[in-house]
Amino acid sequence: MAVAWPFTARAQQPAMPVIAFLRSSTLADATNLMAAFRQGLQETGYVEGQNVATEYRFAENDRDKLTALVKDSIHRLVAVIVGNLAVALAAKVASTTVPIVFATGSDPVKDGLVTNLNRPGGNVTGVNFFAAAVGAKRLEQMRQLVPPATTIGVLETPN
């Protein structure tokens, strides 16, 4: 019995939690984000391969592939899904129980991710960079700096 105890104790230990780091874009578009994510994990005491596993997956700007990645992650019972706006929207539709963490520059309330910024509720939470709200202020400042400007262009992602 004493010989079998270590094997029984090991069998009862929970598996390492898995983080699904999903992006609607390509790997090339997210290399700097992955490095920052890894650093953030380490700063909070999580070390990949030691006490947490992270799966990095990319939809290559394909909505069908994104939906499949989200469904697969949920099916495999990941601990949390981390992603951009498109990932969070797809994951919210697919699950009400798996925790979803997003980072977005748009308004998560208007996008339908959360009902309130202070108390997001449900299984979705995240970080908002308020890029859309800041855009109007930037335009106002541009018009003050260059009053005669009649045309102002904005470059944005193709999606």
N, C-alpha and C. Protein backbone atom coordinates (compact mmCIF):
# COMPACT_ATOMS: atom_id res chain seq x y z
N MET A 1 0.82 -1.19 0.00
CA MET A 1 0.00 0.00 0.00
C MET A 1 0.87 1.26 0.00
N ALA A 2 1.91 1.25 0.81
CA ALA A 2 2.81 2.40 0.88
C ALA A 2 3.50 2.65 -0.45
N VAL A 3 3.76 1.60 -1.20
CA VAL A 3 4.40 1.73 -2.50
C VAL A 3 3.45 2.36 -3.51
N ALA A 4 2.17 2.04 -3.45
CA ALA A 4 1.18 2.55 -4.39
C ALA A 4 0.76 3.99 -4.09
N TRP A 5 0.95 4.46 -2.87
CA TRP A 5 0.48 5.79 -2.48
C TRP A 5 1.03 6.92 -3.36
N PRO A 6 2.32 6.98 -3.67
CA PRO A 6 2.80 8.08 -4.52
C PRO A 6 2.13 8.12 -5.89
N PHE A 7 1.84 6.95 -6.46
CA PHE A 7 1.17 6.92 -7.76
C PHE A 7 -0.26 7.43 -7.66
N THR A 8 -0.95 7.05 -6.58
CA THR A 8 -2.34 7.50 -6.36
C THR A 8 -2.36 9.01 -6.15
N ALA A 9 -1.44 9.54 -5.37
CA ALA A 9 -1.38 10.98 -5.11
C ALA A 9 -1.12 11.75 -6.40
N ARG A 10 -0.23 11.23 -7.24
CA ARG A 10 0.05 11.90 -8.51
C ARG A 10 -1.15 11.88 -9.43
N ALA A 11 -1.89 10.80 -9.44
CA ALA A 11 -3.05 10.67 -10.32
C ALA A 11 -4.16 11.64 -9.93
N GLN A 12 -4.21 12.06 -8.67
CA GLN A 12 -5.27 12.94 -8.21
C GLN A 12 -4.93 14.41 -8.40
N GLN A 13 -3.69 14.74 -8.71
CA GLN A 13 -3.31 16.12 -8.90
C GLN A 13 -3.95 16.66 -10.18
N PRO A 14 -4.45 17.91 -10.14
CA PRO A 14 -5.09 18.47 -11.34
C PRO A 14 -4.07 18.69 -12.45
N ALA A 15 -4.54 18.59 -13.67
CA ALA A 15 -3.68 18.83 -14.83
C ALA A 15 -3.30 20.31 -14.87
N MET A 16 -2.25 20.62 -15.56
CA MET A 16 -1.81 22.00 -15.71
C MET A 16 -2.88 22.79 -16.48
N PRO A 17 -3.28 23.96 -15.99
CA PRO A 17 -4.28 24.74 -16.72
C PRO A 17 -3.75 25.18 -18.08
N VAL A 18 -4.65 25.23 -19.06
CA VAL A 18 -4.28 25.61 -20.42
C VAL A 18 -4.94 26.93 -20.77
N ILE A 19 -4.15 27.86 -21.26
CA ILE A 19 -4.64 29.15 -21.75
C ILE A 19 -4.69 29.06 -23.26
N ALA A 20 -5.84 29.36 -23.84
CA ALA A 20 -5.95 29.44 -25.30
C ALA A 20 -5.74 30.90 -25.70
N PHE A 21 -4.60 31.20 -26.29
CA PHE A 21 -4.29 32.54 -26.79
C PHE A 21 -4.65 32.53 -28.27
N LEU A 22 -5.81 33.08 -28.59
CA LEU A 22 -6.32 33.04 -29.96
C LEU A 22 -6.30 34.44 -30.56
N ARG A 23 -6.02 34.49 -31.84
CA ARG A 23 -6.07 35.76 -32.57
C ARG A 23 -6.79 35.53 -33.89
N SER A 24 -7.55 36.52 -34.30
CA SER A 24 -8.22 36.43 -35.59
C SER A 24 -7.24 36.68 -36.73
N SER A 25 -6.10 37.27 -36.40
CA SER A 25 -5.11 37.64 -37.41
C SER A 25 -4.07 36.54 -37.60
N THR A 26 -2.91 36.94 -38.10
CA THR A 26 -1.83 35.98 -38.38
C THR A 26 -0.80 35.98 -37.26
N LEU A 27 0.04 34.96 -37.27
CA LEU A 27 1.14 34.89 -36.30
C LEU A 27 2.04 36.12 -36.44
N ALA A 28 2.33 36.51 -37.66
CA ALA A 28 3.22 37.66 -37.89
C ALA A 28 2.67 38.93 -37.26
N ASP A 29 1.34 39.06 -37.22
CA ASP A 29 0.71 40.25 -36.63
C ASP A 29 0.73 40.23 -35.11
N ALA A 30 1.12 39.12 -34.50
CA ALA A 30 0.97 39.00 -33.05
C ALA A 30 2.25 38.64 -32.30
N THR A 31 3.39 38.63 -32.96
CA THR A 31 4.62 38.20 -32.28
C THR A 31 4.94 39.10 -31.08
N ASN A 32 4.77 40.41 -31.24
CA ASN A 32 5.06 41.31 -30.12
C ASN A 32 4.04 41.12 -28.99
N LEU A 33 2.79 40.82 -29.34
CA LEU A 33 1.77 40.57 -28.32
C LEU A 33 2.06 39.30 -27.54
N MET A 34 2.55 38.28 -28.23
CA MET A 34 2.88 37.02 -27.56
C MET A 34 4.02 37.23 -26.56
N ALA A 35 5.01 38.01 -26.94
CA ALA A 35 6.13 38.28 -26.04
C ALA A 35 5.64 39.05 -24.81
N ALA A 36 4.80 40.04 -25.02
CA ALA A 36 4.26 40.80 -23.90
C ALA A 36 3.38 39.93 -23.01
N PHE A 37 2.62 39.04 -23.62
CA PHE A 37 1.75 38.14 -22.86
C PHE A 37 2.59 37.21 -21.98
N ARG A 38 3.64 36.65 -22.55
CA ARG A 38 4.53 35.77 -21.79
C ARG A 38 5.16 36.53 -20.61
N GLN A 39 5.58 37.74 -20.87
CA GLN A 39 6.19 38.55 -19.82
C GLN A 39 5.16 38.83 -18.71
N GLY A 40 3.94 39.16 -19.10
CA GLY A 40 2.89 39.40 -18.11
C GLY A 40 2.59 38.17 -17.27
N LEU A 41 2.59 37.00 -17.91
CA LEU A 41 2.39 35.76 -17.17
C LEU A 41 3.50 35.58 -16.13
N GLN A 42 4.73 35.77 -16.57
CA GLN A 42 5.87 35.60 -15.65
C GLN A 42 5.82 36.57 -14.50
N GLU A 43 5.42 37.81 -14.78
CA GLU A 43 5.34 38.82 -13.72
C GLU A 43 4.28 38.49 -12.68
N THR A 44 3.33 37.66 -13.03
CA THR A 44 2.28 37.27 -12.08
C THR A 44 2.49 35.85 -11.55
N GLY A 45 3.66 35.29 -11.81
CA GLY A 45 4.01 34.00 -11.23
C GLY A 45 3.68 32.79 -12.07
N TYR A 46 3.28 32.99 -13.32
CA TYR A 46 2.97 31.86 -14.20
C TYR A 46 4.12 31.67 -15.19
N VAL A 47 4.62 30.45 -15.25
CA VAL A 47 5.72 30.13 -16.15
C VAL A 47 5.24 29.03 -17.08
N GLU A 48 5.28 29.32 -18.37
CA GLU A 48 4.82 28.35 -19.36
C GLU A 48 5.62 27.05 -19.23
N GLY A 49 4.88 25.96 -19.20
CA GLY A 49 5.50 24.65 -19.09
C GLY A 49 5.74 24.20 -17.67
N GLN A 50 5.68 25.13 -16.71
CA GLN A 50 5.87 24.76 -15.30
C GLN A 50 4.55 24.72 -14.54
N ASN A 51 3.80 25.84 -14.60
CA ASN A 51 2.53 25.85 -13.88
C ASN A 51 1.36 26.30 -14.75
N VAL A 52 1.62 26.49 -16.02
CA VAL A 52 0.56 26.82 -16.98
C VAL A 52 1.03 26.45 -18.38
N ALA A 53 0.10 26.05 -19.21
CA ALA A 53 0.40 25.77 -20.63
C ALA A 53 -0.36 26.79 -21.47
N THR A 54 0.26 27.27 -22.52
CA THR A 54 -0.40 28.22 -23.40
C THR A 54 -0.37 27.69 -24.83
N GLU A 55 -1.52 27.73 -25.47
CA GLU A 55 -1.62 27.33 -26.87
C GLU A 55 -1.88 28.59 -27.69
N TYR A 56 -0.98 28.87 -28.62
CA TYR A 56 -1.09 30.04 -29.49
C TYR A 56 -1.66 29.58 -30.82
N ARG A 57 -2.82 30.12 -31.18
CA ARG A 57 -3.47 29.71 -32.43
C ARG A 57 -4.00 30.94 -33.17
N PHE A 58 -3.93 30.88 -34.50
CA PHE A 58 -4.24 32.03 -35.32
C PHE A 58 -5.21 31.66 -36.44
N ALA A 59 -6.20 32.51 -36.64
CA ALA A 59 -7.24 32.23 -37.64
C ALA A 59 -6.89 32.75 -39.02
N GLU A 60 -5.78 33.45 -39.16
CA GLU A 60 -5.32 33.93 -40.48
C GLU A 60 -6.39 34.79 -41.17
N ASN A 61 -7.12 35.59 -40.39
CA ASN A 61 -8.17 36.47 -40.90
C ASN A 61 -9.32 35.72 -41.58
N ASP A 62 -9.57 34.51 -41.15
CA ASP A 62 -10.63 33.67 -41.70
C ASP A 62 -11.68 33.42 -40.60
N ARG A 63 -12.86 33.98 -40.76
CA ARG A 63 -13.91 33.88 -39.72
C ARG A 63 -14.32 32.43 -39.44
N ASP A 64 -14.40 31.60 -40.47
CA ASP A 64 -14.76 30.20 -40.26
C ASP A 64 -13.68 29.48 -39.44
N LYS A 65 -12.44 29.77 -39.75
CA LYS A 65 -11.33 29.16 -39.01
C LYS A 65 -11.35 29.65 -37.56
N LEU A 66 -11.66 30.92 -37.35
CA LEU A 66 -11.75 31.47 -36.00
C LEU A 66 -12.83 30.75 -35.20
N THR A 67 -13.99 30.58 -35.79
CA THR A 67 -15.08 29.87 -35.11
C THR A 67 -14.65 28.45 -34.74
N ALA A 68 -13.96 27.79 -35.65
CA ALA A 68 -13.49 26.42 -35.38
C ALA A 68 -12.46 26.40 -34.25
N LEU A 69 -11.55 27.37 -34.23
CA LEU A 69 -10.53 27.44 -33.17
C LEU A 69 -11.19 27.65 -31.81
N VAL A 70 -12.17 28.54 -31.76
CA VAL A 70 -12.88 28.82 -30.50
C VAL A 70 -13.61 27.56 -30.03
N LYS A 71 -14.36 26.93 -30.93
CA LYS A 71 -15.11 25.72 -30.55
C LYS A 71 -14.18 24.62 -30.09
N ASP A 72 -13.04 24.45 -30.76
CA ASP A 72 -12.09 23.43 -30.38
C ASP A 72 -11.52 23.72 -28.99
N SER A 73 -11.20 24.97 -28.71
CA SER A 73 -10.67 25.35 -27.40
C SER A 73 -11.69 25.06 -26.30
N ILE A 74 -12.93 25.40 -26.55
CA ILE A 74 -13.99 25.16 -25.56
C ILE A 74 -14.18 23.66 -25.35
N HIS A 75 -14.17 22.91 -26.44
CA HIS A 75 -14.34 21.46 -26.36
C HIS A 75 -13.22 20.80 -25.54
N ARG A 76 -12.01 21.34 -25.64
CA ARG A 76 -10.87 20.78 -24.94
C ARG A 76 -10.76 21.29 -23.50
N LEU A 77 -11.75 22.07 -23.06
CA LEU A 77 -11.84 22.54 -21.68
C LEU A 77 -10.64 23.37 -21.23
N VAL A 78 -10.27 24.37 -22.04
CA VAL A 78 -9.20 25.27 -21.63
C VAL A 78 -9.65 26.05 -20.39
N ALA A 79 -8.68 26.55 -19.63
CA ALA A 79 -8.99 27.30 -18.41
C ALA A 79 -9.51 28.69 -18.75
N VAL A 80 -9.01 29.28 -19.84
CA VAL A 80 -9.40 30.63 -20.23
C VAL A 80 -9.06 30.83 -21.71
N ILE A 81 -9.85 31.67 -22.37
CA ILE A 81 -9.57 32.08 -23.75
C ILE A 81 -9.17 33.54 -23.70
N VAL A 82 -8.02 33.86 -24.30
CA VAL A 82 -7.51 35.22 -24.35
C VAL A 82 -7.45 35.62 -25.82
N GLY A 83 -7.98 36.79 -26.16
CA GLY A 83 -7.94 37.17 -27.56
C GLY A 83 -8.33 38.61 -27.83
N ASN A 84 -8.39 38.92 -29.09
CA ASN A 84 -8.80 40.25 -29.53
C ASN A 84 -10.33 40.31 -29.63
N LEU A 85 -10.85 41.39 -30.15
CA LEU A 85 -12.30 41.60 -30.22
C LEU A 85 -13.01 40.48 -30.96
N ALA A 86 -12.52 40.12 -32.13
CA ALA A 86 -13.18 39.08 -32.93
C ALA A 86 -13.21 37.75 -32.19
N VAL A 87 -12.12 37.41 -31.51
CA VAL A 87 -12.06 36.17 -30.72
C VAL A 87 -13.08 36.23 -29.60
N ALA A 88 -13.09 37.33 -28.87
CA ALA A 88 -14.01 37.46 -27.73
C ALA A 88 -15.47 37.36 -28.17
N LEU A 89 -15.81 37.98 -29.30
CA LEU A 89 -17.19 37.90 -29.80
C LEU A 89 -17.55 36.46 -30.16
N ALA A 90 -16.65 35.77 -30.86
CA ALA A 90 -16.91 34.38 -31.25
C ALA A 90 -16.99 33.48 -30.02
N ALA A 91 -16.13 33.70 -29.04
CA ALA A 91 -16.12 32.88 -27.84
C ALA A 91 -17.36 33.13 -26.99
N LYS A 92 -17.81 34.38 -26.94
CA LYS A 92 -19.01 34.70 -26.16
C LYS A 92 -20.23 33.99 -26.72
N VAL A 93 -20.31 33.91 -28.04
CA VAL A 93 -21.42 33.20 -28.68
C VAL A 93 -21.34 31.71 -28.39
N ALA A 94 -20.11 31.18 -28.32
CA ALA A 94 -19.91 29.74 -28.18
C ALA A 94 -20.00 29.23 -26.74
N SER A 95 -19.76 30.09 -25.75
CA SER A 95 -19.75 29.62 -24.36
C SER A 95 -20.17 30.70 -23.38
N THR A 96 -20.92 30.28 -22.38
CA THR A 96 -21.27 31.19 -21.28
C THR A 96 -20.53 30.80 -20.00
N THR A 97 -19.65 29.80 -20.09
CA THR A 97 -18.95 29.33 -18.90
C THR A 97 -17.44 29.48 -18.95
N VAL A 98 -16.83 29.31 -20.10
CA VAL A 98 -15.37 29.44 -20.20
C VAL A 98 -15.00 30.92 -20.04
N PRO A 99 -14.09 31.24 -19.13
CA PRO A 99 -13.67 32.64 -18.98
C PRO A 99 -13.03 33.16 -20.26
N ILE A 100 -13.40 34.39 -20.64
CA ILE A 100 -12.89 35.02 -21.86
C ILE A 100 -12.29 36.37 -21.47
N VAL A 101 -11.05 36.60 -21.87
CA VAL A 101 -10.37 37.85 -21.59
C VAL A 101 -9.99 38.49 -22.93
N PHE A 102 -10.39 39.75 -23.13
CA PHE A 102 -10.14 40.43 -24.40
C PHE A 102 -9.27 41.66 -24.20
N ALA A 103 -8.70 42.12 -25.30
CA ALA A 103 -8.04 43.41 -25.39
C ALA A 103 -8.58 44.05 -26.66
N THR A 104 -9.11 45.26 -26.53
CA THR A 104 -9.72 45.92 -27.69
C THR A 104 -9.52 47.42 -27.63
N GLY A 105 -9.60 48.04 -28.76
CA GLY A 105 -9.52 49.49 -28.85
C GLY A 105 -10.89 50.10 -29.05
N SER A 106 -11.90 49.26 -29.20
CA SER A 106 -13.27 49.77 -29.38
C SER A 106 -14.03 49.67 -28.06
N ASP A 107 -15.28 50.05 -28.08
CA ASP A 107 -16.11 50.06 -26.87
C ASP A 107 -16.72 48.69 -26.65
N PRO A 108 -16.31 47.95 -25.61
CA PRO A 108 -16.83 46.61 -25.40
C PRO A 108 -18.31 46.57 -25.05
N VAL A 109 -18.86 47.66 -24.55
CA VAL A 109 -20.30 47.71 -24.28
C VAL A 109 -21.06 47.80 -25.60
N LYS A 110 -20.65 48.72 -26.47
CA LYS A 110 -21.29 48.85 -27.78
C LYS A 110 -21.10 47.60 -28.63
N ASP A 111 -19.95 46.93 -28.47
CA ASP A 111 -19.68 45.72 -29.24
C ASP A 111 -20.47 44.52 -28.72
N GLY A 112 -21.08 44.66 -27.55
CA GLY A 112 -21.88 43.57 -26.99
C GLY A 112 -21.09 42.55 -26.19
N LEU A 113 -19.85 42.88 -25.85
CA LEU A 113 -19.05 41.94 -25.05
C LEU A 113 -19.46 41.95 -23.58
N VAL A 114 -19.67 43.15 -23.04
CA VAL A 114 -20.04 43.30 -21.63
C VAL A 114 -21.21 44.28 -21.53
N THR A 115 -21.89 44.22 -20.40
CA THR A 115 -23.02 45.14 -20.20
C THR A 115 -22.60 46.42 -19.52
N ASN A 116 -21.43 46.38 -18.84
CA ASN A 116 -20.98 47.53 -18.07
C ASN A 116 -19.47 47.45 -17.94
N LEU A 117 -18.77 48.58 -18.05
CA LEU A 117 -17.32 48.56 -17.94
C LEU A 117 -16.86 48.28 -16.51
N ASN A 118 -17.57 48.80 -15.53
CA ASN A 118 -17.17 48.61 -14.13
C ASN A 118 -17.46 47.20 -13.62
N ARG A 119 -18.56 46.63 -14.07
CA ARG A 119 -18.96 45.28 -13.66
C ARG A 119 -19.39 44.52 -14.92
N PRO A 120 -18.41 43.92 -15.62
CA PRO A 120 -18.71 43.30 -16.90
C PRO A 120 -19.74 42.17 -16.82
N GLY A 121 -19.75 41.43 -15.72
CA GLY A 121 -20.70 40.34 -15.56
C GLY A 121 -20.40 39.19 -16.52
N GLY A 122 -21.09 38.09 -16.35
CA GLY A 122 -20.92 36.94 -17.23
C GLY A 122 -19.52 36.38 -17.18
N ASN A 123 -19.09 35.80 -18.27
CA ASN A 123 -17.79 35.15 -18.35
C ASN A 123 -16.78 35.94 -19.19
N VAL A 124 -17.09 37.21 -19.49
CA VAL A 124 -16.23 38.01 -20.36
C VAL A 124 -15.72 39.25 -19.61
N THR A 125 -14.42 39.49 -19.71
CA THR A 125 -13.82 40.69 -19.14
C THR A 125 -12.60 41.04 -19.98
N GLY A 126 -12.03 42.20 -19.76
CA GLY A 126 -10.86 42.53 -20.56
C GLY A 126 -10.35 43.93 -20.37
N VAL A 127 -9.55 44.34 -21.35
CA VAL A 127 -8.90 45.64 -21.34
C VAL A 127 -9.36 46.43 -22.54
N ASN A 128 -9.69 47.69 -22.31
CA ASN A 128 -10.12 48.59 -23.38
C ASN A 128 -9.11 49.71 -23.49
N PHE A 129 -8.62 49.96 -24.68
CA PHE A 129 -7.64 51.01 -24.89
C PHE A 129 -8.29 52.33 -25.34
N PHE A 130 -9.60 52.35 -25.43
CA PHE A 130 -10.38 53.54 -25.78
C PHE A 130 -9.88 54.25 -27.03
N ALA A 131 -9.39 53.49 -27.99
CA ALA A 131 -8.87 54.07 -29.22
C ALA A 131 -9.96 54.84 -29.98
N ALA A 132 -11.18 54.31 -30.00
CA ALA A 132 -12.27 54.98 -30.72
C ALA A 132 -12.60 56.31 -30.06
N ALA A 133 -12.64 56.33 -28.74
CA ALA A 133 -12.97 57.56 -28.02
C ALA A 133 -11.87 58.59 -28.20
N VAL A 134 -10.63 58.13 -28.27
CA VAL A 134 -9.50 59.04 -28.41
C VAL A 134 -9.43 59.57 -29.84
N GLY A 135 -9.96 58.83 -30.78
CA GLY A 135 -9.92 59.24 -32.19
C GLY A 135 -10.56 60.59 -32.43
N ALA A 136 -11.71 60.83 -31.82
CA ALA A 136 -12.39 62.12 -31.99
C ALA A 136 -11.53 63.25 -31.42
N LYS A 137 -10.90 63.01 -30.30
CA LYS A 137 -10.04 64.02 -29.69
C LYS A 137 -8.82 64.28 -30.58
N ARG A 138 -8.27 63.23 -31.17
CA ARG A 138 -7.12 63.40 -32.06
C ARG A 138 -7.50 64.23 -33.28
N LEU A 139 -8.68 63.99 -33.83
CA LEU A 139 -9.15 64.76 -34.97
C LEU A 139 -9.32 66.23 -34.58
N GLU A 140 -9.86 66.47 -33.42
CA GLU A 140 -10.02 67.84 -32.93
C GLU A 140 -8.66 68.53 -32.82
N GLN A 141 -7.68 67.84 -32.28
CA GLN A 141 -6.34 68.41 -32.15
C GLN A 141 -5.70 68.65 -33.52
N MET A 142 -5.92 67.73 -34.45
CA MET A 142 -5.39 67.89 -35.81
C MET A 142 -5.96 69.14 -36.45
N ARG A 143 -7.23 69.36 -36.27
CA ARG A 143 -7.87 70.55 -36.87
C ARG A 143 -7.34 71.83 -36.22
N GLN A 144 -6.98 71.77 -34.95
CA GLN A 144 -6.40 72.93 -34.28
C GLN A 144 -4.97 73.18 -34.77
N LEU A 145 -4.23 72.11 -35.01
CA LEU A 145 -2.85 72.24 -35.48
C LEU A 145 -2.76 72.68 -36.93
N VAL A 146 -3.68 72.19 -37.76
CA VAL A 146 -3.66 72.50 -39.19
C VAL A 146 -5.08 72.94 -39.60
N PRO A 147 -5.48 74.16 -39.21
CA PRO A 147 -6.85 74.61 -39.49
C PRO A 147 -7.26 74.59 -40.97
N PRO A 148 -6.34 74.88 -41.92
CA PRO A 148 -6.77 74.90 -43.32
C PRO A 148 -6.96 73.50 -43.93
N ALA A 149 -6.62 72.44 -43.20
CA ALA A 149 -6.73 71.08 -43.76
C ALA A 149 -8.19 70.78 -44.08
N THR A 150 -8.43 70.33 -45.30
CA THR A 150 -9.80 69.98 -45.70
C THR A 150 -9.99 68.48 -45.86
N THR A 151 -8.86 67.77 -45.99
CA THR A 151 -8.93 66.31 -46.12
C THR A 151 -7.98 65.68 -45.12
N ILE A 152 -8.51 64.76 -44.34
CA ILE A 152 -7.69 64.04 -43.37
C ILE A 152 -7.96 62.56 -43.58
N GLY A 153 -6.89 61.79 -43.77
CA GLY A 153 -7.03 60.36 -44.01
C GLY A 153 -6.75 59.56 -42.75
N VAL A 154 -7.39 58.41 -42.67
CA VAL A 154 -7.19 57.49 -41.55
C VAL A 154 -6.88 56.12 -42.10
N LEU A 155 -5.80 55.52 -41.63
CA LEU A 155 -5.45 54.17 -42.03
C LEU A 155 -5.89 53.21 -40.94
N GLU A 156 -6.52 52.14 -41.35
CA GLU A 156 -7.04 51.17 -40.39
C GLU A 156 -6.89 49.77 -40.96
N THR A 157 -7.04 48.75 -40.13
CA THR A 157 -6.92 47.38 -40.62
C THR A 157 -8.02 47.10 -41.64
N PRO A 158 -7.79 46.19 -42.58
CA PRO A 158 -8.78 45.94 -43.64
C PRO A 158 -10.10 45.36 -43.13
N ASN A 159 -10.13 44.77 -41.95
CA ASN A 159 -11.38 44.20 -41.43
C ASN A 159 -12.24 45.25 -40.75
